[in-house]
Structure formats: C-alpha cells, structure tokens
Amino acid sequence: MKDINQVILDAQKKLNDKFKYANVHQVPKIEKVVIHRGLSEALTNSAVLEKTFELFYAITGQKPVFTKAKKSISNFKLREGQVVGCKVTLRSKKMNNFLSNLLYLSLPKIRDFRGISKRGCDQFGNFSFGIKDDSIFPESNTELDRLRGMDITICTTSKSKEELLFLLESMGLPFKAN
C-alpha cells in the first residue's frame, strides 16, 4: 500500500506545477474529512445508534458524535433534541489513515465500481460523495441487518472546482469518465 503522506505531497507538487502559485501556502491542502450518516430510523430502532457508533469508531479510530434535531417537526414525528445522525470529523494522522484505507482498500472492493461522480464539488473547496454499502470497509461487522450508507466530505483549502478536482485526481481518487 502506498504512503498517503507521500501521495498528498506529490499531488501538491503537481498542483504547484500546473497552477504556478506565487507562494507555497497558496497550494490547496486537505483540511479535514467528515463522515456522516443520517439516522432517521433511530426513532423506531435504537439499536441502529449503537451499531453506527461502533462502526464509525472501528473505521476511524475516533469517537463519533451524535447530531440532534434543532427543531420539532410534527409531520416527521421529530422532536427537538432527538438523535437524527452520527458524524466523525477527522484531521491529521487519522484523516490520512482513513483516506489511505478508503482509496486503497475500500473503494476497490465495491462491485461494478465505475468511479465517483465529479458533481460533488461546491464553491467552498469541499467534495462530497456517498457510499451505499458500509460493508466495504474491512473493519465493519459482517452481521448487518440491512445495508446502510454514509456521506463522506473532503474539505480542502482550494479556491476553485478545477483546483479541487485536480488535487483529488492527483491523489488517486477514482472519478467517473465523462
């Protein structure tokens, strides 16, 4: 398996060569990775909270945080303060370990994988995509009652979509061919 730190440094060198930054600090960097799962079924099945907590802890090595509803919405039978999601924010070494596992172990395990869509970019330098099946991670339990996905957001310091996509492509994130 490749050293992710070296892969990131090589990607930043390629960025600097392509965009000709005046200062080294202008080269975009990955700041953090956020992993999130919405838990709407937690209102009826509280075991989902525990399974998600254990899965996120196993995958990332960091304690996840439960997100709670800010407002009550009667149509959704939702009350203020109820748990509606679970998330983990990774930085530094844990972020690099997770990216390494994602790029080199987990994504290649997806059956009929054609790449990630490039439409997940926003104007703030973030790239988001979803994974439909969490069993692609080696740390996940094989005793799943049903498939659940998760959202992964990679936050960078890039100023444009072109910089962001070039950085992620240079790192080896597999994008769909258009």
N, C-alpha and C. Protein backbone atom coordinates (compact mmCIF):
# COMPACT_ATOMS: atom_id res chain seq x y z
N MET A 1 0.85 -1.18 0.00
CA MET A 1 0.00 0.00 0.00
C MET A 1 0.90 1.24 0.00
N LYS A 2 0.48 2.24 -0.75
CA LYS A 2 1.26 3.47 -0.87
C LYS A 2 1.18 4.30 0.41
N ASP A 3 2.21 5.09 0.66
CA ASP A 3 2.21 6.01 1.79
C ASP A 3 1.38 7.23 1.41
N ILE A 4 0.28 7.45 2.11
CA ILE A 4 -0.65 8.52 1.76
C ILE A 4 -0.01 9.90 1.90
N ASN A 5 0.91 10.05 2.86
CA ASN A 5 1.57 11.35 3.03
C ASN A 5 2.37 11.71 1.78
N GLN A 6 3.06 10.72 1.21
CA GLN A 6 3.83 10.96 0.00
C GLN A 6 2.92 11.23 -1.18
N VAL A 7 1.79 10.54 -1.25
CA VAL A 7 0.82 10.76 -2.32
C VAL A 7 0.28 12.18 -2.26
N ILE A 8 -0.02 12.67 -1.06
CA ILE A 8 -0.54 14.04 -0.91
C ILE A 8 0.53 15.06 -1.30
N LEU A 9 1.77 14.84 -0.87
CA LEU A 9 2.86 15.75 -1.25
C LEU A 9 3.07 15.78 -2.76
N ASP A 10 3.02 14.61 -3.40
CA ASP A 10 3.16 14.56 -4.86
C ASP A 10 2.02 15.30 -5.56
N ALA A 11 0.81 15.15 -5.04
CA ALA A 11 -0.35 15.85 -5.61
C ALA A 11 -0.18 17.36 -5.48
N GLN A 12 0.34 17.82 -4.34
CA GLN A 12 0.54 19.25 -4.14
C GLN A 12 1.63 19.78 -5.06
N LYS A 13 2.67 18.97 -5.33
CA LYS A 13 3.70 19.39 -6.29
C LYS A 13 3.12 19.53 -7.68
N LYS A 14 2.27 18.57 -8.07
CA LYS A 14 1.62 18.64 -9.39
C LYS A 14 0.74 19.89 -9.49
N LEU A 15 0.02 20.19 -8.41
CA LEU A 15 -0.82 21.40 -8.37
C LEU A 15 0.04 22.65 -8.55
N ASN A 16 1.15 22.71 -7.85
CA ASN A 16 2.04 23.87 -7.93
C ASN A 16 2.60 24.01 -9.34
N ASP A 17 2.94 22.90 -9.99
CA ASP A 17 3.46 22.95 -11.35
C ASP A 17 2.39 23.42 -12.34
N LYS A 18 1.15 22.98 -12.14
CA LYS A 18 0.08 23.33 -13.08
C LYS A 18 -0.40 24.77 -12.91
N PHE A 19 -0.63 25.19 -11.66
CA PHE A 19 -1.26 26.49 -11.42
C PHE A 19 -0.25 27.61 -11.11
N LYS A 20 1.02 27.29 -10.94
CA LYS A 20 2.09 28.27 -10.73
C LYS A 20 1.77 29.26 -9.61
N TYR A 21 1.65 28.73 -8.40
CA TYR A 21 1.37 29.57 -7.24
C TYR A 21 2.59 30.41 -6.89
N ALA A 22 2.36 31.65 -6.45
CA ALA A 22 3.44 32.55 -6.07
C ALA A 22 4.04 32.18 -4.72
N ASN A 23 3.23 31.55 -3.87
CA ASN A 23 3.64 31.24 -2.52
C ASN A 23 3.29 29.77 -2.22
N VAL A 24 4.10 29.11 -1.45
CA VAL A 24 3.86 27.70 -1.10
C VAL A 24 2.56 27.54 -0.32
N HIS A 25 2.19 28.55 0.44
CA HIS A 25 1.00 28.46 1.27
C HIS A 25 -0.30 28.60 0.47
N GLN A 26 -0.20 28.95 -0.80
CA GLN A 26 -1.39 29.03 -1.65
C GLN A 26 -1.80 27.67 -2.21
N VAL A 27 -0.90 26.70 -2.15
CA VAL A 27 -1.20 25.37 -2.68
C VAL A 27 -2.30 24.74 -1.82
N PRO A 28 -3.40 24.29 -2.44
CA PRO A 28 -4.50 23.70 -1.66
C PRO A 28 -4.07 22.45 -0.90
N LYS A 29 -4.63 22.32 0.29
CA LYS A 29 -4.37 21.19 1.17
C LYS A 29 -5.70 20.61 1.66
N ILE A 30 -5.66 19.39 2.07
CA ILE A 30 -6.85 18.78 2.67
C ILE A 30 -6.85 19.15 4.15
N GLU A 31 -7.93 19.80 4.59
CA GLU A 31 -8.03 20.22 5.99
C GLU A 31 -8.63 19.13 6.88
N LYS A 32 -9.73 18.54 6.40
CA LYS A 32 -10.42 17.55 7.22
C LYS A 32 -11.30 16.67 6.35
N VAL A 33 -11.72 15.55 6.94
CA VAL A 33 -12.66 14.64 6.30
C VAL A 33 -13.79 14.41 7.31
N VAL A 34 -15.03 14.59 6.85
CA VAL A 34 -16.19 14.40 7.72
C VAL A 34 -16.99 13.21 7.19
N ILE A 35 -17.27 12.27 8.08
CA ILE A 35 -18.08 11.10 7.74
C ILE A 35 -19.39 11.24 8.49
N HIS A 36 -20.51 11.08 7.78
CA HIS A 36 -21.81 11.34 8.38
C HIS A 36 -22.81 10.28 7.93
N ARG A 37 -23.73 9.96 8.83
CA ARG A 37 -24.84 9.08 8.48
C ARG A 37 -26.10 9.64 9.13
N GLY A 38 -27.14 9.81 8.34
CA GLY A 38 -28.43 10.20 8.87
C GLY A 38 -29.12 8.98 9.46
N LEU A 39 -29.71 9.14 10.62
CA LEU A 39 -30.31 8.00 11.33
C LEU A 39 -31.80 8.24 11.57
N SER A 40 -32.56 8.37 10.51
CA SER A 40 -33.98 8.61 10.68
C SER A 40 -34.68 7.40 11.31
N GLU A 41 -34.15 6.20 11.06
CA GLU A 41 -34.78 5.02 11.63
C GLU A 41 -34.47 4.84 13.12
N ALA A 42 -33.61 5.68 13.67
CA ALA A 42 -33.27 5.59 15.09
C ALA A 42 -34.47 5.95 15.97
N LEU A 43 -35.46 6.63 15.40
CA LEU A 43 -36.66 6.96 16.16
C LEU A 43 -37.43 5.71 16.55
N THR A 44 -37.35 4.68 15.70
CA THR A 44 -38.09 3.44 15.99
C THR A 44 -37.17 2.29 16.42
N ASN A 45 -35.89 2.34 16.02
CA ASN A 45 -34.96 1.25 16.31
C ASN A 45 -33.70 1.83 16.95
N SER A 46 -33.60 1.75 18.26
CA SER A 46 -32.47 2.37 18.96
C SER A 46 -31.17 1.59 18.80
N ALA A 47 -31.23 0.35 18.34
CA ALA A 47 -30.02 -0.45 18.15
C ALA A 47 -29.16 0.11 17.01
N VAL A 48 -29.79 0.85 16.11
CA VAL A 48 -29.07 1.44 14.98
C VAL A 48 -28.03 2.44 15.48
N LEU A 49 -28.35 3.18 16.53
CA LEU A 49 -27.41 4.14 17.10
C LEU A 49 -26.14 3.45 17.56
N GLU A 50 -26.30 2.36 18.28
CA GLU A 50 -25.15 1.64 18.82
C GLU A 50 -24.31 1.03 17.70
N LYS A 51 -24.96 0.45 16.69
CA LYS A 51 -24.22 -0.16 15.58
C LYS A 51 -23.45 0.90 14.80
N THR A 52 -24.07 2.04 14.55
CA THR A 52 -23.39 3.11 13.82
C THR A 52 -22.22 3.65 14.61
N PHE A 53 -22.42 3.85 15.91
CA PHE A 53 -21.34 4.32 16.77
C PHE A 53 -20.15 3.37 16.71
N GLU A 54 -20.40 2.07 16.86
CA GLU A 54 -19.33 1.07 16.83
C GLU A 54 -18.65 1.03 15.47
N LEU A 55 -19.43 1.12 14.39
CA LEU A 55 -18.85 1.07 13.04
C LEU A 55 -17.95 2.27 12.79
N PHE A 56 -18.42 3.47 13.09
CA PHE A 56 -17.62 4.67 12.87
C PHE A 56 -16.35 4.65 13.72
N TYR A 57 -16.47 4.15 14.95
CA TYR A 57 -15.30 4.06 15.82
C TYR A 57 -14.28 3.06 15.26
N ALA A 58 -14.78 1.95 14.72
CA ALA A 58 -13.89 0.92 14.16
C ALA A 58 -13.21 1.43 12.88
N ILE A 59 -13.95 2.12 12.04
CA ILE A 59 -13.41 2.59 10.76
C ILE A 59 -12.39 3.71 10.98
N THR A 60 -12.68 4.63 11.89
CA THR A 60 -11.86 5.83 12.01
C THR A 60 -10.91 5.84 13.20
N GLY A 61 -11.21 5.07 14.22
CA GLY A 61 -10.38 5.10 15.42
C GLY A 61 -10.64 6.32 16.28
N GLN A 62 -11.76 6.96 16.05
CA GLN A 62 -12.11 8.17 16.79
C GLN A 62 -13.59 8.09 17.18
N LYS A 63 -13.91 8.62 18.36
CA LYS A 63 -15.29 8.57 18.84
C LYS A 63 -16.19 9.45 17.98
N PRO A 64 -17.30 8.92 17.48
CA PRO A 64 -18.24 9.75 16.73
C PRO A 64 -19.13 10.57 17.67
N VAL A 65 -19.80 11.54 17.08
CA VAL A 65 -20.70 12.42 17.82
C VAL A 65 -22.10 12.26 17.24
N PHE A 66 -23.10 12.17 18.10
CA PHE A 66 -24.48 12.10 17.62
C PHE A 66 -24.98 13.52 17.37
N THR A 67 -25.66 13.70 16.25
CA THR A 67 -26.26 15.00 15.95
C THR A 67 -27.73 14.95 16.34
N LYS A 68 -28.23 16.07 16.82
CA LYS A 68 -29.60 16.12 17.33
C LYS A 68 -30.42 17.11 16.53
N ALA A 69 -31.72 16.90 16.52
CA ALA A 69 -32.65 17.77 15.80
C ALA A 69 -32.70 19.14 16.47
N LYS A 70 -32.65 20.19 15.66
CA LYS A 70 -32.72 21.55 16.20
C LYS A 70 -34.15 22.02 16.41
N LYS A 71 -35.06 21.47 15.58
CA LYS A 71 -36.46 21.87 15.66
C LYS A 71 -37.36 20.65 15.74
N SER A 72 -38.54 20.86 16.25
CA SER A 72 -39.57 19.81 16.22
C SER A 72 -40.34 19.94 14.92
N ILE A 73 -40.56 18.80 14.24
CA ILE A 73 -41.34 18.79 13.01
C ILE A 73 -42.37 17.67 13.15
N SER A 74 -43.63 18.06 13.30
CA SER A 74 -44.67 17.08 13.60
C SER A 74 -44.92 16.12 12.43
N ASN A 75 -44.79 16.58 11.20
CA ASN A 75 -45.03 15.70 10.05
C ASN A 75 -44.05 14.53 10.01
N PHE A 76 -42.86 14.72 10.53
CA PHE A 76 -41.86 13.66 10.55
C PHE A 76 -41.79 12.96 11.90
N LYS A 77 -42.69 13.30 12.81
CA LYS A 77 -42.70 12.76 14.17
C LYS A 77 -41.34 12.97 14.84
N LEU A 78 -40.82 14.17 14.67
CA LEU A 78 -39.50 14.52 15.15
C LEU A 78 -39.61 15.58 16.24
N ARG A 79 -38.92 15.35 17.34
CA ARG A 79 -38.92 16.31 18.43
C ARG A 79 -37.54 16.94 18.55
N GLU A 80 -37.52 18.14 19.03
CA GLU A 80 -36.25 18.83 19.26
C GLU A 80 -35.40 18.04 20.25
N GLY A 81 -34.14 17.85 19.90
CA GLY A 81 -33.22 17.14 20.78
C GLY A 81 -33.09 15.66 20.50
N GLN A 82 -33.94 15.10 19.61
CA GLN A 82 -33.82 13.68 19.27
C GLN A 82 -32.60 13.46 18.38
N VAL A 83 -31.97 12.32 18.52
CA VAL A 83 -30.80 11.99 17.71
C VAL A 83 -31.26 11.68 16.28
N VAL A 84 -30.66 12.39 15.31
CA VAL A 84 -31.02 12.20 13.91
C VAL A 84 -29.82 11.83 13.04
N GLY A 85 -28.63 11.76 13.62
CA GLY A 85 -27.46 11.42 12.82
C GLY A 85 -26.24 11.15 13.68
N CYS A 86 -25.18 10.74 13.00
CA CYS A 86 -23.91 10.45 13.66
C CYS A 86 -22.81 10.92 12.73
N LYS A 87 -21.78 11.57 13.28
CA LYS A 87 -20.71 12.08 12.43
C LYS A 87 -19.36 11.99 13.14
N VAL A 88 -18.30 11.97 12.31
CA VAL A 88 -16.93 11.98 12.80
C VAL A 88 -16.17 12.97 11.94
N THR A 89 -15.39 13.85 12.57
CA THR A 89 -14.53 14.77 11.85
C THR A 89 -13.08 14.34 12.08
N LEU A 90 -12.39 14.05 10.98
CA LEU A 90 -11.02 13.55 11.06
C LEU A 90 -10.05 14.60 10.56
N ARG A 91 -8.94 14.74 11.26
CA ARG A 91 -7.87 15.63 10.85
C ARG A 91 -6.54 14.90 11.03
N SER A 92 -5.50 15.41 10.38
CA SER A 92 -4.13 14.96 10.60
C SER A 92 -3.94 13.47 10.33
N LYS A 93 -3.32 12.74 11.27
CA LYS A 93 -2.97 11.33 11.06
C LYS A 93 -4.18 10.45 10.83
N LYS A 94 -5.21 10.64 11.63
CA LYS A 94 -6.41 9.81 11.48
C LYS A 94 -7.07 10.05 10.13
N MET A 95 -7.04 11.29 9.65
CA MET A 95 -7.59 11.61 8.34
C MET A 95 -6.78 10.90 7.26
N ASN A 96 -5.46 10.96 7.36
CA ASN A 96 -4.60 10.30 6.38
C ASN A 96 -4.79 8.78 6.39
N ASN A 97 -4.92 8.20 7.57
CA ASN A 97 -5.17 6.76 7.66
C ASN A 97 -6.50 6.38 7.01
N PHE A 98 -7.53 7.19 7.28
CA PHE A 98 -8.84 6.91 6.69
C PHE A 98 -8.78 7.04 5.17
N LEU A 99 -8.16 8.11 4.66
CA LEU A 99 -8.06 8.29 3.21
C LEU A 99 -7.29 7.14 2.56
N SER A 100 -6.25 6.70 3.21
CA SER A 100 -5.47 5.57 2.69
C SER A 100 -6.33 4.31 2.62
N ASN A 101 -7.06 4.02 3.69
CA ASN A 101 -7.95 2.85 3.69
C ASN A 101 -9.05 2.99 2.64
N LEU A 102 -9.59 4.18 2.50
CA LEU A 102 -10.66 4.41 1.54
C LEU A 102 -10.17 4.20 0.11
N LEU A 103 -9.04 4.82 -0.23
CA LEU A 103 -8.53 4.78 -1.60
C LEU A 103 -7.98 3.42 -2.00
N TYR A 104 -7.28 2.76 -1.11
CA TYR A 104 -6.55 1.56 -1.50
C TYR A 104 -7.18 0.25 -1.05
N LEU A 105 -8.09 0.28 -0.06
CA LEU A 105 -8.71 -0.95 0.40
C LEU A 105 -10.21 -1.00 0.14
N SER A 106 -10.91 0.07 0.46
CA SER A 106 -12.37 0.02 0.45
C SER A 106 -12.99 0.26 -0.93
N LEU A 107 -12.62 1.34 -1.60
CA LEU A 107 -13.22 1.63 -2.90
C LEU A 107 -12.98 0.52 -3.93
N PRO A 108 -11.79 -0.10 -3.97
CA PRO A 108 -11.62 -1.21 -4.91
C PRO A 108 -12.50 -2.43 -4.62
N LYS A 109 -13.05 -2.54 -3.41
CA LYS A 109 -13.92 -3.67 -3.06
C LYS A 109 -15.34 -3.51 -3.59
N ILE A 110 -15.71 -2.31 -4.04
CA ILE A 110 -17.08 -2.08 -4.49
C ILE A 110 -17.29 -2.82 -5.81
N ARG A 111 -18.33 -3.61 -5.86
CA ARG A 111 -18.64 -4.38 -7.06
C ARG A 111 -19.18 -3.45 -8.15
N ASP A 112 -18.74 -3.64 -9.37
CA ASP A 112 -19.15 -2.83 -10.53
C ASP A 112 -18.90 -1.34 -10.30
N PHE A 113 -17.78 -1.02 -9.70
CA PHE A 113 -17.45 0.38 -9.39
C PHE A 113 -16.93 1.07 -10.63
N ARG A 114 -17.58 2.17 -11.03
CA ARG A 114 -17.20 2.90 -12.22
C ARG A 114 -16.56 4.25 -11.89
N GLY A 115 -16.45 4.56 -10.64
CA GLY A 115 -15.85 5.82 -10.22
C GLY A 115 -16.85 6.69 -9.47
N ILE A 116 -16.33 7.79 -8.96
CA ILE A 116 -17.13 8.75 -8.19
C ILE A 116 -17.49 9.91 -9.10
N SER A 117 -18.70 10.38 -9.00
CA SER A 117 -19.15 11.50 -9.82
C SER A 117 -18.43 12.78 -9.42
N LYS A 118 -18.11 13.61 -10.41
CA LYS A 118 -17.42 14.88 -10.16
C LYS A 118 -18.39 15.98 -9.71
N ARG A 119 -19.67 15.68 -9.64
CA ARG A 119 -20.66 16.70 -9.31
C ARG A 119 -20.72 17.04 -7.82
N GLY A 120 -19.91 16.39 -7.01
CA GLY A 120 -19.96 16.60 -5.56
C GLY A 120 -19.19 17.82 -5.08
N CYS A 121 -18.74 18.68 -5.99
CA CYS A 121 -17.95 19.87 -5.61
C CYS A 121 -18.86 21.03 -5.23
N ASP A 122 -18.38 21.87 -4.35
CA ASP A 122 -19.06 23.14 -4.10
C ASP A 122 -18.05 24.28 -4.25
N GLN A 123 -18.53 25.51 -4.11
CA GLN A 123 -17.66 26.68 -4.34
C GLN A 123 -16.74 26.97 -3.17
N PHE A 124 -16.84 26.22 -2.08
CA PHE A 124 -16.02 26.48 -0.90
C PHE A 124 -14.84 25.51 -0.79
N GLY A 125 -14.61 24.67 -1.79
CA GLY A 125 -13.49 23.76 -1.77
C GLY A 125 -13.78 22.43 -1.09
N ASN A 126 -15.06 22.05 -1.04
CA ASN A 126 -15.44 20.78 -0.42
C ASN A 126 -15.90 19.80 -1.49
N PHE A 127 -15.63 18.53 -1.28
CA PHE A 127 -16.09 17.50 -2.19
C PHE A 127 -16.82 16.44 -1.38
N SER A 128 -18.07 16.16 -1.75
CA SER A 128 -18.89 15.20 -1.01
C SER A 128 -19.34 14.07 -1.92
N PHE A 129 -19.37 12.89 -1.37
CA PHE A 129 -19.91 11.74 -2.09
C PHE A 129 -20.47 10.75 -1.09
N GLY A 130 -21.30 9.86 -1.58
CA GLY A 130 -21.93 8.88 -0.71
C GLY A 130 -21.48 7.48 -1.03
N ILE A 131 -21.52 6.65 -0.02
CA ILE A 131 -21.25 5.22 -0.18
C ILE A 131 -22.51 4.50 0.27
N LYS A 132 -23.03 3.63 -0.59
CA LYS A 132 -24.30 2.97 -0.29
C LYS A 132 -24.17 1.79 0.66
N ASP A 133 -22.99 1.18 0.71
CA ASP A 133 -22.80 -0.03 1.50
C ASP A 133 -21.58 0.13 2.39
N ASP A 134 -21.77 0.10 3.70
CA ASP A 134 -20.64 0.29 4.61
C ASP A 134 -19.84 -0.99 4.84
N SER A 135 -20.25 -2.10 4.25
CA SER A 135 -19.51 -3.35 4.43
C SER A 135 -18.23 -3.40 3.60
N ILE A 136 -17.96 -2.37 2.79
CA ILE A 136 -16.72 -2.35 2.01
C ILE A 136 -15.51 -2.08 2.89
N PHE A 137 -15.73 -1.54 4.07
CA PHE A 137 -14.62 -1.28 4.99
C PHE A 137 -14.24 -2.58 5.69
N PRO A 138 -12.94 -2.88 5.76
CA PRO A 138 -12.52 -4.13 6.40
C PRO A 138 -12.90 -4.22 7.87
N GLU A 139 -13.05 -3.08 8.53
CA GLU A 139 -13.36 -3.07 9.97
C GLU A 139 -14.84 -3.26 10.27
N SER A 140 -15.68 -3.21 9.26
CA SER A 140 -17.12 -3.27 9.52
C SER A 140 -17.55 -4.68 9.90
N ASN A 141 -18.62 -4.75 10.66
CA ASN A 141 -19.20 -6.03 11.07
C ASN A 141 -19.85 -6.69 9.87
N THR A 142 -19.76 -7.99 9.79
CA THR A 142 -20.45 -8.70 8.71
C THR A 142 -21.88 -9.03 9.12
N GLU A 143 -22.22 -8.83 10.38
CA GLU A 143 -23.56 -9.11 10.89
C GLU A 143 -24.45 -7.88 10.74
N LEU A 144 -24.80 -7.53 9.50
CA LEU A 144 -25.63 -6.36 9.27
C LEU A 144 -27.07 -6.80 9.07
N ASP A 145 -28.00 -6.07 9.69
CA ASP A 145 -29.41 -6.39 9.47
C ASP A 145 -29.89 -5.83 8.13
N ARG A 146 -29.28 -4.75 7.66
CA ARG A 146 -29.57 -4.21 6.33
C ARG A 146 -28.45 -3.26 5.92
N LEU A 147 -28.41 -2.95 4.65
CA LEU A 147 -27.36 -2.06 4.14
C LEU A 147 -27.66 -0.63 4.52
N ARG A 148 -26.65 0.05 5.00
CA ARG A 148 -26.76 1.46 5.32
C ARG A 148 -25.56 2.15 4.70
N GLY A 149 -25.76 3.35 4.23
CA GLY A 149 -24.69 4.09 3.60
C GLY A 149 -24.16 5.18 4.52
N MET A 150 -23.28 5.99 3.94
CA MET A 150 -22.73 7.11 4.68
C MET A 150 -22.29 8.17 3.68
N ASP A 151 -22.20 9.39 4.16
CA ASP A 151 -21.72 10.50 3.34
C ASP A 151 -20.31 10.84 3.80
N ILE A 152 -19.43 11.10 2.82
CA ILE A 152 -18.06 11.47 3.12
C ILE A 152 -17.79 12.82 2.47
N THR A 153 -17.31 13.78 3.24
CA THR A 153 -16.98 15.11 2.73
C THR A 153 -15.50 15.36 2.97
N ILE A 154 -14.81 15.73 1.89
CA ILE A 154 -13.40 16.08 1.98
C ILE A 154 -13.29 17.59 1.87
N CYS A 155 -12.84 18.25 2.92
CA CYS A 155 -12.74 19.71 2.96
C CYS A 155 -11.31 20.13 2.65
N THR A 156 -11.16 21.02 1.68
CA THR A 156 -9.83 21.49 1.27
C THR A 156 -9.77 23.01 1.32
N THR A 157 -8.58 23.55 1.05
CA THR A 157 -8.40 25.00 1.00
C THR A 157 -8.41 25.52 -0.43
N SER A 158 -8.86 24.71 -1.39
CA SER A 158 -8.84 25.14 -2.78
C SER A 158 -9.86 26.24 -3.03
N LYS A 159 -9.55 27.09 -4.00
CA LYS A 159 -10.39 28.25 -4.30
C LYS A 159 -11.32 28.02 -5.49
N SER A 160 -11.08 26.96 -6.27
CA SER A 160 -11.94 26.71 -7.43
C SER A 160 -12.18 25.21 -7.57
N LYS A 161 -13.20 24.87 -8.36
CA LYS A 161 -13.51 23.47 -8.60
C LYS A 161 -12.39 22.79 -9.36
N GLU A 162 -11.77 23.51 -10.27
CA GLU A 162 -10.68 22.95 -11.07
C GLU A 162 -9.52 22.53 -10.17
N GLU A 163 -9.14 23.40 -9.23
CA GLU A 163 -8.07 23.06 -8.29
C GLU A 163 -8.45 21.84 -7.44
N LEU A 164 -9.68 21.85 -6.95
CA LEU A 164 -10.15 20.77 -6.09
C LEU A 164 -10.11 19.43 -6.82
N LEU A 165 -10.67 19.38 -8.02
CA LEU A 165 -10.71 18.13 -8.76
C LEU A 165 -9.30 17.66 -9.15
N PHE A 166 -8.43 18.61 -9.50
CA PHE A 166 -7.06 18.24 -9.85
C PHE A 166 -6.32 17.66 -8.64
N LEU A 167 -6.52 18.26 -7.47
CA LEU A 167 -5.91 17.75 -6.25
C LEU A 167 -6.36 16.33 -5.95
N LEU A 168 -7.68 16.10 -6.02
CA LEU A 168 -8.22 14.79 -5.69
C LEU A 168 -7.84 13.74 -6.73
N GLU A 169 -7.82 14.13 -8.01
CA GLU A 169 -7.39 13.20 -9.07
C GLU A 169 -5.91 12.84 -8.90
N SER A 170 -5.10 13.83 -8.55
CA SER A 170 -3.67 13.59 -8.35
C SER A 170 -3.42 12.67 -7.16
N MET A 171 -4.30 12.71 -6.19
CA MET A 171 -4.17 11.81 -5.03
C MET A 171 -4.58 10.39 -5.37
N GLY A 172 -5.38 10.23 -6.42
CA GLY A 172 -5.79 8.88 -6.82
C GLY A 172 -7.25 8.58 -6.58
N LEU A 173 -8.06 9.60 -6.28
CA LEU A 173 -9.49 9.36 -6.12
C LEU A 173 -10.07 9.03 -7.49
N PRO A 174 -10.71 7.88 -7.64
CA PRO A 174 -11.19 7.44 -8.96
C PRO A 174 -12.49 8.15 -9.35
N PHE A 175 -12.42 8.99 -10.37
CA PHE A 175 -13.60 9.70 -10.86
C PHE A 175 -14.17 8.99 -12.07
N LYS A 176 -15.48 9.17 -12.30
CA LYS A 176 -16.13 8.63 -13.50
C LYS A 176 -15.60 9.33 -14.73
N ALA A 177 -15.44 8.57 -15.80
CA ALA A 177 -15.06 9.17 -17.07
C ALA A 177 -16.32 9.73 -17.72
N ASN A 178 -16.26 10.98 -18.15
CA ASN A 178 -17.45 11.61 -18.75
C ASN A 178 -17.54 11.32 -20.22
